[in-house]
Amino acid sequence: MIDGYGGDKAKLDDKSLVELCLNELPTMLGMKKLSKPCIYFAEGNNLKDPGGWSGFVVIQESHVSLHTFPGRRFLSADVYTCRNGLDDKKVVSYFKEKFSIKEIEQNLLKRGTKYPSTDF
């Protein structure tokens, strides 16, 4: 999970860039896309959320989601995978470069630690 602060407002408001990232990142990480990216513009709610782009792509290994908040210069991304050995530094660098992020908050969460090794 990545939260990016101080990003470039124009890049965060660029639907084409969001789509590029959702197409490019899984391939770059050696993952297989099962769908084309789905991208939506979410209107602001006059509270905490000023609006922005939300998108996701389903991959064989799970999914990648991306939410931008141009007015706050903020990005939130989840790269959820069942694959071991995800290069999280590569993922962080990718988003920093693509959206000119100044500061990253990263949370790595291990899931399925007791996942069965055989079928029942």
C-alpha atoms as a PDB file:
ATOM      1  CA  MET A   1       0.000   0.000   0.000  1.00  0.00           C
ATOM      2  CA  ILE A   2       1.419   3.341  -1.044  1.00  0.00           C
ATOM      3  CA  ASP A   3       0.304   6.847  -0.179  1.00  0.00           C
ATOM      4  CA  GLY A   4       2.046   9.586  -2.113  1.00  0.00           C
ATOM      5  CA  TYR A   5       2.185  13.226  -1.028  1.00  0.00           C
ATOM      6  CA  GLY A   6       3.151  16.355  -2.931  1.00  0.00           C
ATOM      7  CA  GLY A   7       2.555  14.934  -6.400  1.00  0.00           C
ATOM      8  CA  ASP A   8       2.204  16.948  -9.570  1.00  0.00           C
ATOM      9  CA  LYS A   9      -1.414  18.167  -9.751  1.00  0.00           C
ATOM     10  CA  ALA A  10      -1.619  17.930 -13.558  1.00  0.00           C
ATOM     11  CA  LYS A  11      -0.232  14.384 -13.603  1.00  0.00           C
ATOM     12  CA  LEU A  12      -2.618  13.277 -10.858  1.00  0.00           C
ATOM     13  CA  ASP A  13      -5.492  14.683 -12.937  1.00  0.00           C
ATOM     14  CA  ASP A  14      -4.388  12.900 -16.121  1.00  0.00           C
ATOM     15  CA  LYS A  15      -6.697   9.971 -16.935  1.00  0.00           C
ATOM     16  CA  SER A  16      -4.321   8.769 -19.646  1.00  0.00           C
ATOM     17  CA  LEU A  17      -1.456   8.555 -17.149  1.00  0.00           C
ATOM     18  CA  VAL A  18      -3.589   6.585 -14.693  1.00  0.00           C
ATOM     19  CA  GLU A  19      -4.484   4.166 -17.506  1.00  0.00           C
ATOM     20  CA  LEU A  20      -0.844   3.892 -18.594  1.00  0.00           C
ATOM     21  CA  CYS A  21       0.215   2.995 -15.056  1.00  0.00           C
ATOM     22  CA  LEU A  22      -2.461   0.327 -14.702  1.00  0.00           C
ATOM     23  CA  ASN A  23      -1.404  -1.159 -18.039  1.00  0.00           C
ATOM     24  CA  GLU A  24       2.340  -0.822 -17.591  1.00  0.00           C
ATOM     25  CA  LEU A  25       3.005  -1.708 -13.941  1.00  0.00           C
ATOM     26  CA  PRO A  26       1.706  -5.311 -13.985  1.00  0.00           C
ATOM     27  CA  THR A  27       3.743  -6.065 -17.111  1.00  0.00           C
ATOM     28  CA  MET A  28       6.823  -4.430 -15.586  1.00  0.00           C
ATOM     29  CA  LEU A  29       6.422  -6.677 -12.525  1.00  0.00           C
ATOM     30  CA  GLY A  30       5.971  -9.823 -14.648  1.00  0.00           C
ATOM     31  CA  MET A  31       2.298 -10.197 -13.809  1.00  0.00           C
ATOM     32  CA  LYS A  32      -0.526 -11.192 -16.146  1.00  0.00           C
ATOM     33  CA  LYS A  33      -3.468  -8.830 -16.670  1.00  0.00           C
ATOM     34  CA  LEU A  34      -6.851 -10.556 -16.816  1.00  0.00           C
ATOM     35  CA  SER A  35      -8.730  -7.408 -17.790  1.00  0.00           C
ATOM     36  CA  LYS A  36      -8.259  -3.985 -19.241  1.00  0.00           C
ATOM     37  CA  PRO A  37      -8.009  -1.245 -16.623  1.00  0.00           C
ATOM     38  CA  CYS A  38     -11.300   0.244 -15.431  1.00  0.00           C
ATOM     39  CA  ILE A  39     -11.022   3.966 -14.706  1.00  0.00           C
ATOM     40  CA  TYR A  40     -13.634   6.323 -13.319  1.00  0.00           C
ATOM     41  CA  PHE A  41     -13.737   9.959 -12.358  1.00  0.00           C
ATOM     42  CA  ALA A  42     -15.076  10.279  -8.826  1.00  0.00           C
ATOM     43  CA  GLU A  43     -16.671  13.624  -8.051  1.00  0.00           C
ATOM     44  CA  GLY A  44     -15.748  15.302  -4.792  1.00  0.00           C
ATOM     45  CA  ASN A  45     -18.101  15.032  -1.848  1.00  0.00           C
ATOM     46  CA  ASN A  46     -17.447  18.481  -0.298  1.00  0.00           C
ATOM     47  CA  LEU A  47     -16.042  16.793   2.783  1.00  0.00           C
ATOM     48  CA  LYS A  48     -12.690  15.037   2.867  1.00  0.00           C
ATOM     49  CA  ASP A  49     -12.666  13.934  -0.764  1.00  0.00           C
ATOM     50  CA  PRO A  50     -12.132  16.647  -3.418  1.00  0.00           C
ATOM     51  CA  GLY A  51     -12.510  14.140  -6.266  1.00  0.00           C
ATOM     52  CA  GLY A  52     -10.111  12.511  -8.700  1.00  0.00           C
ATOM     53  CA  TRP A  53      -9.465   9.400 -10.755  1.00  0.00           C
ATOM     54  CA  SER A  54      -9.981   5.869  -9.460  1.00  0.00           C
ATOM     55  CA  GLY A  55      -8.917   2.830 -11.399  1.00  0.00           C
ATOM     56  CA  PHE A  56      -8.055  -0.811 -11.056  1.00  0.00           C
ATOM     57  CA  VAL A  57      -6.879  -3.726 -13.088  1.00  0.00           C
ATOM     58  CA  VAL A  58      -7.448  -7.384 -12.265  1.00  0.00           C
ATOM     59  CA  ILE A  59      -4.310  -9.467 -12.594  1.00  0.00           C
ATOM     60  CA  GLN A  60      -3.874 -13.218 -12.344  1.00  0.00           C
ATOM     61  CA  GLU A  61      -1.975 -12.606  -9.122  1.00  0.00           C
ATOM     62  CA  SER A  62      -4.798 -10.363  -7.694  1.00  0.00           C
ATOM     63  CA  HIS A  63      -5.180  -6.635  -8.504  1.00  0.00           C
ATOM     64  CA  VAL A  64      -3.701  -3.151  -8.686  1.00  0.00           C
ATOM     65  CA  SER A  65      -5.773  -0.130  -7.674  1.00  0.00           C
ATOM     66  CA  LEU A  66      -4.979   3.555  -7.935  1.00  0.00           C
ATOM     67  CA  HIS A  67      -6.766   6.638  -6.610  1.00  0.00           C
ATOM     68  CA  THR A  68      -5.682  10.193  -7.319  1.00  0.00           C
ATOM     69  CA  PHE A  69      -6.688  13.366  -5.510  1.00  0.00           C
ATOM     70  CA  PRO A  70      -5.254  16.186  -7.654  1.00  0.00           C
ATOM     71  CA  GLY A  71      -6.605  18.962  -5.427  1.00  0.00           C
ATOM     72  CA  ARG A  72      -4.699  17.514  -2.471  1.00  0.00           C
ATOM     73  CA  ARG A  73      -1.680  16.450  -4.580  1.00  0.00           C
ATOM     74  CA  PHE A  74      -2.208  12.942  -3.147  1.00  0.00           C
ATOM     75  CA  LEU A  75      -2.158   9.421  -4.552  1.00  0.00           C
ATOM     76  CA  SER A  76      -3.162   6.127  -2.980  1.00  0.00           C
ATOM     77  CA  ALA A  77      -2.169   2.837  -4.626  1.00  0.00           C
ATOM     78  CA  ASP A  78      -2.519  -0.814  -3.683  1.00  0.00           C
ATOM     79  CA  VAL A  79      -0.519  -3.528  -5.391  1.00  0.00           C
ATOM     80  CA  TYR A  80      -2.078  -6.665  -3.987  1.00  0.00           C
ATOM     81  CA  THR A  81      -0.477  -9.915  -5.045  1.00  0.00           C
ATOM     82  CA  CYS A  82      -0.314 -13.520  -3.916  1.00  0.00           C
ATOM     83  CA  ARG A  83       3.122 -13.763  -5.490  1.00  0.00           C
ATOM     84  CA  ASN A  84       6.122 -13.938  -3.166  1.00  0.00           C
ATOM     85  CA  GLY A  85       9.032 -11.579  -3.643  1.00  0.00           C
ATOM     86  CA  LEU A  86       7.314  -8.414  -4.881  1.00  0.00           C
ATOM     87  CA  ASP A  87       9.963  -5.750  -5.497  1.00  0.00           C
ATOM     88  CA  ASP A  88       8.306  -3.031  -3.411  1.00  0.00           C
ATOM     89  CA  LYS A  89      11.178  -0.592  -3.982  1.00  0.00           C
ATOM     90  CA  LYS A  90      10.552  -0.828  -7.729  1.00  0.00           C
ATOM     91  CA  VAL A  91       6.845  -0.137  -7.202  1.00  0.00           C
ATOM     92  CA  VAL A  92       7.543   2.893  -4.986  1.00  0.00           C
ATOM     93  CA  SER A  93      10.077   4.305  -7.464  1.00  0.00           C
ATOM     94  CA  TYR A  94       7.609   3.789 -10.315  1.00  0.00           C
ATOM     95  CA  PHE A  95       4.852   5.843  -8.695  1.00  0.00           C
ATOM     96  CA  LYS A  96       7.283   8.518  -7.465  1.00  0.00           C
ATOM     97  CA  GLU A  97       8.564   9.023 -10.988  1.00  0.00           C
ATOM     98  CA  LYS A  98       5.230   8.833 -12.827  1.00  0.00           C
ATOM     99  CA  PHE A  99       3.420  11.346 -10.602  1.00  0.00           C
ATOM    100  CA  SER A 100       6.426  13.375  -9.352  1.00  0.00           C
ATOM    101  CA  ILE A 101       5.657  12.347  -5.764  1.00  0.00           C
ATOM    102  CA  LYS A 102       7.713  14.152  -3.121  1.00  0.00           C
ATOM    103  CA  GLU A 103       7.035  11.895  -0.126  1.00  0.00           C
ATOM    104  CA  ILE A 104       5.901   8.276   0.150  1.00  0.00           C
ATOM    105  CA  GLU A 105       4.239   6.450   3.000  1.00  0.00           C
ATOM    106  CA  GLN A 106       4.484   2.700   2.421  1.00  0.00           C
ATOM    107  CA  ASN A 107       2.838  -0.157   4.282  1.00  0.00           C
ATOM    108  CA  LEU A 108       3.713  -3.730   3.430  1.00  0.00           C
ATOM    109  CA  LEU A 109       1.213  -6.228   4.744  1.00  0.00           C
ATOM    110  CA  LYS A 110       1.784  -9.970   4.542  1.00  0.00           C
ATOM    111  CA  ARG A 111      -1.433 -11.876   4.012  1.00  0.00           C
ATOM    112  CA  GLY A 112      -2.342 -15.524   3.803  1.00  0.00           C
ATOM    113  CA  THR A 113       0.518 -16.615   6.040  1.00  0.00           C
ATOM    114  CA  LYS A 114      -1.350 -19.884   6.743  1.00  0.00           C
ATOM    115  CA  TYR A 115      -2.475 -20.455   3.142  1.00  0.00           C
ATOM    116  CA  PRO A 116      -2.856 -24.249   2.646  1.00  0.00           C
ATOM    117  CA  SER A 117      -0.216 -25.921   0.512  1.00  0.00           C
ATOM    118  CA  THR A 118      -2.601 -28.582  -0.853  1.00  0.00           C
ATOM    119  CA  ASP A 119      -6.192 -28.817  -2.071  1.00  0.00           C
ATOM    120  CA  PHE A 120      -8.822 -30.423   0.157  1.00  0.00           C
END
